[in-house]
Amino acid sequence: MPKPPLTFTFYIAAPIENVWNGFVSRDINRTIFMGADFEVDLRPGGAMTWSGTGKDGQRIRYVTGEVVRVDAPTRLEYKFGMGDGAVTSRVTITLTQETEAVKVVVTNDEFADDDPAYLQNAEGWPRILSRLETLLETGKTFRPH
């Protein structure tokens, strides 16, 4: 049975360009993801990776992805998976400028039946989006756990 989509809606009091940069900026991703190195080629088919140093001191890939669609600054779609990305799901981020805030809708779907990341993503997205919201609204963020 297919896993249901994960959908999260947040409102961030910042200009849409700043919110967009929150999803694609190397520096902001490093802050949100506790120092992880973020690389992205914002073209369809472009690579997207988060990596860092493992507990053993060796370089590891935390997440591997591929850009599907980019309509800056309102839509980003990509596929990603943990580690080498052997099992992937899709993420669609839509940004809509409202009067004083940007409506952010993140939908994570197309999970494989055996994707072990489903529960981790269900718990992780609210933390990630809360950290981004806090950073963009206050200039600082909080530790995830």
N, C-alpha and C. Protein backbone atom coordinates (compact mmCIF):
# COMPACT_ATOMS: atom_id res chain seq x y z
N MET A 1 0.85 -1.19 0.00
CA MET A 1 0.00 0.00 0.00
C MET A 1 0.89 1.24 0.00
N PRO A 2 0.62 2.20 -0.89
CA PRO A 2 1.45 3.41 -0.95
C PRO A 2 1.37 4.22 0.34
N LYS A 3 2.49 4.82 0.68
CA LYS A 3 2.52 5.70 1.86
C LYS A 3 1.87 7.03 1.50
N PRO A 4 1.08 7.60 2.42
CA PRO A 4 0.44 8.89 2.11
C PRO A 4 1.46 10.01 2.03
N PRO A 5 1.18 11.03 1.24
CA PRO A 5 2.09 12.18 1.16
C PRO A 5 2.21 12.87 2.52
N LEU A 6 3.37 13.44 2.75
CA LEU A 6 3.59 14.30 3.92
C LEU A 6 3.49 15.73 3.43
N THR A 7 2.59 16.51 4.00
CA THR A 7 2.41 17.90 3.59
C THR A 7 2.48 18.81 4.81
N PHE A 8 3.29 19.86 4.70
CA PHE A 8 3.50 20.80 5.79
C PHE A 8 3.33 22.22 5.26
N THR A 9 2.58 23.04 5.99
CA THR A 9 2.36 24.43 5.61
C THR A 9 2.86 25.33 6.73
N PHE A 10 3.70 26.28 6.37
CA PHE A 10 4.24 27.26 7.31
C PHE A 10 4.07 28.64 6.71
N TYR A 11 4.09 29.66 7.54
CA TYR A 11 4.06 31.05 7.09
C TYR A 11 5.30 31.73 7.67
N ILE A 12 6.09 32.33 6.79
CA ILE A 12 7.34 32.95 7.21
C ILE A 12 7.29 34.44 6.88
N ALA A 13 7.49 35.27 7.89
CA ALA A 13 7.47 36.73 7.71
C ALA A 13 8.80 37.21 7.19
N ALA A 14 8.99 37.04 5.89
CA ALA A 14 10.22 37.46 5.20
C ALA A 14 9.89 37.60 3.72
N PRO A 15 10.68 38.38 2.98
CA PRO A 15 10.45 38.48 1.53
C PRO A 15 10.61 37.12 0.86
N ILE A 16 9.87 36.90 -0.21
CA ILE A 16 9.89 35.60 -0.89
C ILE A 16 11.30 35.22 -1.35
N GLU A 17 12.11 36.19 -1.77
CA GLU A 17 13.48 35.89 -2.21
C GLU A 17 14.30 35.33 -1.05
N ASN A 18 14.10 35.85 0.15
CA ASN A 18 14.83 35.34 1.32
C ASN A 18 14.39 33.91 1.66
N VAL A 19 13.10 33.65 1.55
CA VAL A 19 12.60 32.31 1.83
C VAL A 19 13.14 31.34 0.79
N TRP A 20 13.12 31.72 -0.47
CA TRP A 20 13.69 30.89 -1.53
C TRP A 20 15.16 30.58 -1.22
N ASN A 21 15.92 31.60 -0.87
CA ASN A 21 17.34 31.39 -0.55
C ASN A 21 17.50 30.46 0.64
N GLY A 22 16.52 30.46 1.54
CA GLY A 22 16.58 29.54 2.67
C GLY A 22 16.61 28.08 2.26
N PHE A 23 16.02 27.79 1.12
CA PHE A 23 16.01 26.41 0.63
C PHE A 23 17.20 26.09 -0.27
N VAL A 24 17.81 27.09 -0.90
CA VAL A 24 18.86 26.80 -1.89
C VAL A 24 20.24 27.35 -1.52
N SER A 25 20.35 28.13 -0.45
CA SER A 25 21.62 28.72 -0.06
C SER A 25 22.50 27.74 0.70
N ARG A 26 23.76 27.69 0.32
CA ARG A 26 24.73 26.84 1.01
C ARG A 26 24.85 27.25 2.49
N ASP A 27 24.97 28.56 2.74
CA ASP A 27 25.16 29.03 4.11
C ASP A 27 23.95 28.76 5.00
N ILE A 28 22.75 29.01 4.49
CA ILE A 28 21.56 28.79 5.30
C ILE A 28 21.37 27.29 5.56
N ASN A 29 21.61 26.46 4.55
CA ASN A 29 21.51 25.02 4.76
C ASN A 29 22.53 24.55 5.80
N ARG A 30 23.73 25.10 5.77
CA ARG A 30 24.75 24.74 6.76
C ARG A 30 24.26 25.07 8.17
N THR A 31 23.59 26.21 8.32
CA THR A 31 23.06 26.60 9.63
C THR A 31 21.92 25.70 10.06
N ILE A 32 20.99 25.45 9.18
CA ILE A 32 19.81 24.64 9.52
C ILE A 32 20.18 23.19 9.79
N PHE A 33 21.14 22.68 9.02
CA PHE A 33 21.52 21.27 9.12
C PHE A 33 22.82 21.07 9.89
N MET A 34 23.04 21.92 10.90
CA MET A 34 24.12 21.74 11.86
C MET A 34 25.48 21.52 11.22
N GLY A 35 25.82 22.35 10.23
CA GLY A 35 27.15 22.31 9.64
C GLY A 35 27.30 21.45 8.41
N ALA A 36 26.25 20.80 7.94
CA ALA A 36 26.36 19.96 6.75
C ALA A 36 26.73 20.81 5.53
N ASP A 37 27.58 20.27 4.69
CA ASP A 37 27.93 20.92 3.43
C ASP A 37 26.81 20.66 2.43
N PHE A 38 26.33 21.71 1.79
CA PHE A 38 25.22 21.61 0.85
C PHE A 38 25.70 22.05 -0.53
N GLU A 39 25.43 21.23 -1.51
CA GLU A 39 25.76 21.54 -2.90
C GLU A 39 24.51 21.31 -3.74
N VAL A 40 24.22 22.25 -4.65
CA VAL A 40 23.07 22.06 -5.53
C VAL A 40 23.34 22.73 -6.87
N ASP A 41 22.95 22.04 -7.92
CA ASP A 41 22.97 22.57 -9.28
C ASP A 41 21.50 22.78 -9.64
N LEU A 42 21.06 24.04 -9.61
CA LEU A 42 19.64 24.35 -9.76
C LEU A 42 19.16 24.30 -11.21
N ARG A 43 19.35 23.15 -11.81
CA ARG A 43 18.82 22.88 -13.15
C ARG A 43 18.19 21.50 -13.13
N PRO A 44 17.14 21.26 -13.92
CA PRO A 44 16.59 19.91 -13.98
C PRO A 44 17.69 18.89 -14.27
N GLY A 45 17.74 17.86 -13.46
CA GLY A 45 18.79 16.85 -13.57
C GLY A 45 20.02 17.17 -12.74
N GLY A 46 20.07 18.37 -12.16
CA GLY A 46 21.23 18.79 -11.37
C GLY A 46 21.32 18.03 -10.05
N ALA A 47 22.55 17.85 -9.59
CA ALA A 47 22.80 17.14 -8.33
C ALA A 47 22.49 18.03 -7.13
N MET A 48 22.11 17.38 -6.04
CA MET A 48 21.81 18.05 -4.77
C MET A 48 22.31 17.12 -3.67
N THR A 49 23.25 17.60 -2.84
CA THR A 49 23.80 16.74 -1.79
C THR A 49 24.00 17.50 -0.49
N TRP A 50 23.85 16.77 0.61
CA TRP A 50 24.23 17.25 1.94
C TRP A 50 25.24 16.23 2.45
N SER A 51 26.41 16.69 2.86
CA SER A 51 27.45 15.78 3.33
C SER A 51 28.18 16.38 4.52
N GLY A 52 29.01 15.58 5.14
CA GLY A 52 29.76 16.05 6.30
C GLY A 52 30.70 14.97 6.79
N THR A 53 31.09 15.10 8.04
CA THR A 53 32.02 14.16 8.64
C THR A 53 31.26 13.20 9.54
N GLY A 54 31.47 11.91 9.33
CA GLY A 54 30.81 10.89 10.14
C GLY A 54 31.45 10.73 11.51
N LYS A 55 30.87 9.89 12.33
CA LYS A 55 31.38 9.65 13.68
C LYS A 55 32.80 9.11 13.68
N ASP A 56 33.16 8.43 12.58
CA ASP A 56 34.51 7.87 12.47
C ASP A 56 35.51 8.86 11.88
N GLY A 57 35.08 10.09 11.62
CA GLY A 57 35.96 11.11 11.06
C GLY A 57 36.06 11.11 9.55
N GLN A 58 35.41 10.15 8.89
CA GLN A 58 35.43 10.05 7.43
C GLN A 58 34.30 10.86 6.82
N ARG A 59 34.51 11.36 5.58
CA ARG A 59 33.46 12.08 4.86
C ARG A 59 32.34 11.11 4.53
N ILE A 60 31.10 11.57 4.73
CA ILE A 60 29.94 10.75 4.36
C ILE A 60 28.90 11.63 3.68
N ARG A 61 28.07 11.00 2.90
CA ARG A 61 26.96 11.66 2.25
C ARG A 61 25.74 11.39 3.10
N TYR A 62 25.12 12.45 3.64
CA TYR A 62 23.91 12.29 4.43
C TYR A 62 22.70 12.07 3.53
N VAL A 63 22.62 12.90 2.47
CA VAL A 63 21.47 12.90 1.57
C VAL A 63 21.95 13.13 0.14
N THR A 64 21.34 12.42 -0.79
CA THR A 64 21.64 12.59 -2.22
C THR A 64 20.34 12.87 -2.94
N GLY A 65 20.36 13.88 -3.82
CA GLY A 65 19.15 14.21 -4.54
C GLY A 65 19.41 14.64 -5.97
N GLU A 66 18.32 14.85 -6.68
CA GLU A 66 18.37 15.34 -8.06
C GLU A 66 17.25 16.35 -8.27
N VAL A 67 17.61 17.49 -8.81
CA VAL A 67 16.63 18.55 -9.08
C VAL A 67 15.73 18.10 -10.22
N VAL A 68 14.42 18.28 -10.04
CA VAL A 68 13.44 17.94 -11.07
C VAL A 68 12.95 19.20 -11.78
N ARG A 69 12.62 20.24 -10.98
CA ARG A 69 12.03 21.46 -11.56
C ARG A 69 12.40 22.65 -10.69
N VAL A 70 12.69 23.76 -11.35
CA VAL A 70 13.00 25.01 -10.64
C VAL A 70 12.24 26.14 -11.31
N ASP A 71 11.41 26.84 -10.54
CA ASP A 71 10.74 28.06 -10.98
C ASP A 71 10.98 29.10 -9.88
N ALA A 72 12.22 29.62 -9.85
CA ALA A 72 12.59 30.57 -8.79
C ALA A 72 11.75 31.84 -8.91
N PRO A 73 11.29 32.40 -7.82
CA PRO A 73 11.41 31.97 -6.43
C PRO A 73 10.14 31.33 -5.87
N THR A 74 9.41 30.58 -6.69
CA THR A 74 8.12 30.08 -6.21
C THR A 74 8.00 28.55 -6.14
N ARG A 75 8.86 27.81 -6.82
CA ARG A 75 8.71 26.35 -6.83
C ARG A 75 10.05 25.66 -7.00
N LEU A 76 10.26 24.65 -6.15
CA LEU A 76 11.44 23.79 -6.25
C LEU A 76 10.96 22.36 -6.06
N GLU A 77 11.33 21.51 -6.99
CA GLU A 77 10.95 20.10 -6.91
C GLU A 77 12.21 19.26 -7.08
N TYR A 78 12.36 18.28 -6.21
CA TYR A 78 13.53 17.40 -6.32
C TYR A 78 13.20 16.03 -5.76
N LYS A 79 14.02 15.05 -6.13
CA LYS A 79 13.95 13.70 -5.56
C LYS A 79 15.16 13.56 -4.67
N PHE A 80 14.99 12.88 -3.53
CA PHE A 80 16.12 12.69 -2.65
C PHE A 80 15.98 11.42 -1.84
N GLY A 81 17.11 10.95 -1.35
CA GLY A 81 17.13 9.77 -0.49
C GLY A 81 18.30 9.88 0.47
N MET A 82 18.22 9.13 1.53
CA MET A 82 19.28 9.13 2.53
C MET A 82 20.52 8.44 1.96
N GLY A 83 21.68 8.86 2.43
CA GLY A 83 22.94 8.25 2.00
C GLY A 83 23.16 8.44 0.51
N ASP A 84 23.34 7.34 -0.19
CA ASP A 84 23.63 7.41 -1.63
C ASP A 84 22.38 7.61 -2.47
N GLY A 85 21.22 7.71 -1.85
CA GLY A 85 19.98 7.98 -2.58
C GLY A 85 19.43 6.79 -3.34
N ALA A 86 19.74 5.58 -2.88
CA ALA A 86 19.24 4.39 -3.58
C ALA A 86 17.72 4.31 -3.54
N VAL A 87 17.10 4.76 -2.44
CA VAL A 87 15.65 4.79 -2.30
C VAL A 87 15.26 6.26 -2.18
N THR A 88 14.43 6.75 -3.11
CA THR A 88 14.12 8.18 -3.13
C THR A 88 12.63 8.45 -2.96
N SER A 89 12.36 9.69 -2.58
CA SER A 89 11.01 10.24 -2.57
C SER A 89 11.10 11.61 -3.23
N ARG A 90 9.95 12.22 -3.49
CA ARG A 90 9.91 13.52 -4.14
C ARG A 90 9.54 14.60 -3.13
N VAL A 91 10.14 15.77 -3.29
CA VAL A 91 9.79 16.94 -2.49
C VAL A 91 9.38 18.05 -3.44
N THR A 92 8.23 18.67 -3.17
CA THR A 92 7.79 19.84 -3.91
C THR A 92 7.60 20.97 -2.91
N ILE A 93 8.31 22.06 -3.13
CA ILE A 93 8.23 23.23 -2.27
C ILE A 93 7.59 24.34 -3.09
N THR A 94 6.47 24.89 -2.59
CA THR A 94 5.85 26.03 -3.26
C THR A 94 5.82 27.21 -2.30
N LEU A 95 6.17 28.36 -2.83
CA LEU A 95 6.19 29.59 -2.06
C LEU A 95 5.21 30.57 -2.68
N THR A 96 4.35 31.16 -1.83
CA THR A 96 3.37 32.13 -2.29
C THR A 96 3.48 33.37 -1.41
N GLN A 97 3.78 34.51 -2.03
CA GLN A 97 3.85 35.76 -1.28
C GLN A 97 2.46 36.18 -0.88
N GLU A 98 2.25 36.38 0.41
CA GLU A 98 1.00 36.92 0.91
C GLU A 98 1.29 38.33 1.41
N THR A 99 0.36 38.96 2.07
CA THR A 99 0.53 40.36 2.46
C THR A 99 1.79 40.60 3.27
N GLU A 100 1.96 39.90 4.38
CA GLU A 100 3.11 40.14 5.24
C GLU A 100 3.97 38.90 5.45
N ALA A 101 3.66 37.84 4.77
CA ALA A 101 4.40 36.60 4.95
C ALA A 101 4.40 35.80 3.66
N VAL A 102 5.24 34.78 3.64
CA VAL A 102 5.28 33.85 2.52
C VAL A 102 4.67 32.53 3.01
N LYS A 103 3.70 32.04 2.26
CA LYS A 103 3.13 30.73 2.55
C LYS A 103 4.06 29.68 1.95
N VAL A 104 4.52 28.78 2.79
CA VAL A 104 5.45 27.72 2.37
C VAL A 104 4.71 26.40 2.50
N VAL A 105 4.59 25.68 1.39
CA VAL A 105 3.98 24.36 1.41
C VAL A 105 5.02 23.37 0.92
N VAL A 106 5.34 22.40 1.77
CA VAL A 106 6.29 21.35 1.42
C VAL A 106 5.51 20.05 1.37
N THR A 107 5.56 19.38 0.22
CA THR A 107 4.93 18.07 0.06
C THR A 107 6.02 17.07 -0.25
N ASN A 108 6.12 16.04 0.56
CA ASN A 108 7.10 14.96 0.37
C ASN A 108 6.27 13.71 0.06
N ASP A 109 6.41 13.21 -1.18
CA ASP A 109 5.58 12.08 -1.61
C ASP A 109 6.38 11.14 -2.50
N GLU A 110 5.66 10.24 -3.17
CA GLU A 110 6.25 9.22 -4.03
C GLU A 110 7.26 8.36 -3.28
N PHE A 111 6.89 7.95 -2.07
CA PHE A 111 7.74 7.07 -1.26
C PHE A 111 7.62 5.64 -1.76
N ALA A 112 8.75 4.94 -1.79
CA ALA A 112 8.72 3.50 -2.05
C ALA A 112 8.12 2.83 -0.82
N ASP A 113 7.46 1.70 -1.03
CA ASP A 113 6.84 0.98 0.08
C ASP A 113 7.86 0.64 1.17
N ASP A 114 9.11 0.40 0.77
CA ASP A 114 10.13 -0.01 1.73
C ASP A 114 11.05 1.15 2.15
N ASP A 115 10.64 2.40 1.91
CA ASP A 115 11.51 3.53 2.24
C ASP A 115 11.59 3.70 3.75
N PRO A 116 12.77 3.46 4.33
CA PRO A 116 12.92 3.56 5.78
C PRO A 116 12.93 5.02 6.26
N ALA A 117 13.00 5.97 5.35
CA ALA A 117 13.08 7.38 5.73
C ALA A 117 11.71 8.02 5.96
N TYR A 118 10.63 7.31 5.68
CA TYR A 118 9.30 7.93 5.77
C TYR A 118 9.05 8.54 7.16
N LEU A 119 9.24 7.78 8.21
CA LEU A 119 8.97 8.29 9.56
C LEU A 119 9.96 9.38 9.94
N GLN A 120 11.20 9.21 9.54
CA GLN A 120 12.22 10.24 9.80
C GLN A 120 11.83 11.55 9.12
N ASN A 121 11.36 11.48 7.89
CA ASN A 121 10.94 12.69 7.17
C ASN A 121 9.69 13.30 7.83
N ALA A 122 8.77 12.45 8.26
CA ALA A 122 7.54 12.95 8.91
C ALA A 122 7.88 13.75 10.16
N GLU A 123 8.88 13.31 10.89
CA GLU A 123 9.30 14.02 12.10
C GLU A 123 10.27 15.16 11.79
N GLY A 124 11.05 15.00 10.73
CA GLY A 124 12.11 15.96 10.42
C GLY A 124 11.64 17.25 9.76
N TRP A 125 10.68 17.17 8.85
CA TRP A 125 10.25 18.37 8.13
C TRP A 125 9.77 19.48 9.06
N PRO A 126 8.92 19.21 10.06
CA PRO A 126 8.52 20.32 10.94
C PRO A 126 9.70 20.98 11.64
N ARG A 127 10.70 20.20 12.06
CA ARG A 127 11.89 20.77 12.70
C ARG A 127 12.67 21.64 11.71
N ILE A 128 12.86 21.12 10.50
CA ILE A 128 13.62 21.86 9.48
C ILE A 128 12.92 23.18 9.18
N LEU A 129 11.60 23.12 8.95
CA LEU A 129 10.86 24.32 8.59
C LEU A 129 10.80 25.31 9.75
N SER A 130 10.70 24.81 10.97
CA SER A 130 10.71 25.71 12.13
C SER A 130 12.06 26.38 12.29
N ARG A 131 13.14 25.64 12.06
CA ARG A 131 14.49 26.22 12.14
C ARG A 131 14.66 27.30 11.06
N LEU A 132 14.18 27.03 9.84
CA LEU A 132 14.27 28.01 8.76
C LEU A 132 13.45 29.25 9.10
N GLU A 133 12.23 29.05 9.57
CA GLU A 133 11.37 30.18 9.92
C GLU A 133 12.03 31.05 10.99
N THR A 134 12.53 30.42 12.03
CA THR A 134 13.17 31.17 13.12
C THR A 134 14.40 31.92 12.61
N LEU A 135 15.21 31.27 11.80
CA LEU A 135 16.41 31.91 11.25
C LEU A 135 16.06 33.13 10.40
N LEU A 136 15.09 32.99 9.51
CA LEU A 136 14.74 34.09 8.62
C LEU A 136 14.04 35.23 9.35
N GLU A 137 13.31 34.91 10.40
CA GLU A 137 12.58 35.96 11.13
C GLU A 137 13.41 36.62 12.24
N THR A 138 14.39 35.89 12.78
CA THR A 138 15.15 36.46 13.92
C THR A 138 16.65 36.57 13.69
N GLY A 139 17.16 35.90 12.66
CA GLY A 139 18.59 35.90 12.41
C GLY A 139 19.36 34.84 13.18
N LYS A 140 18.66 34.03 13.97
CA LYS A 140 19.31 32.91 14.67
C LYS A 140 18.36 31.74 14.66
N THR A 141 18.86 30.57 15.02
CA THR A 141 17.99 29.39 15.06
C THR A 141 18.30 28.60 16.31
N PHE A 142 17.75 27.39 16.41
CA PHE A 142 17.90 26.57 17.61
C PHE A 142 18.40 25.20 17.22
N ARG A 143 18.99 24.50 18.18
CA ARG A 143 19.46 23.14 17.92
C ARG A 143 18.24 22.24 17.67
N PRO A 144 18.37 21.27 16.76
CA PRO A 144 17.21 20.47 16.40
C PRO A 144 16.69 19.54 17.48
N HIS A 145 17.52 19.07 18.40
CA HIS A 145 17.05 18.15 19.45
C HIS A 145 17.56 18.60 20.78
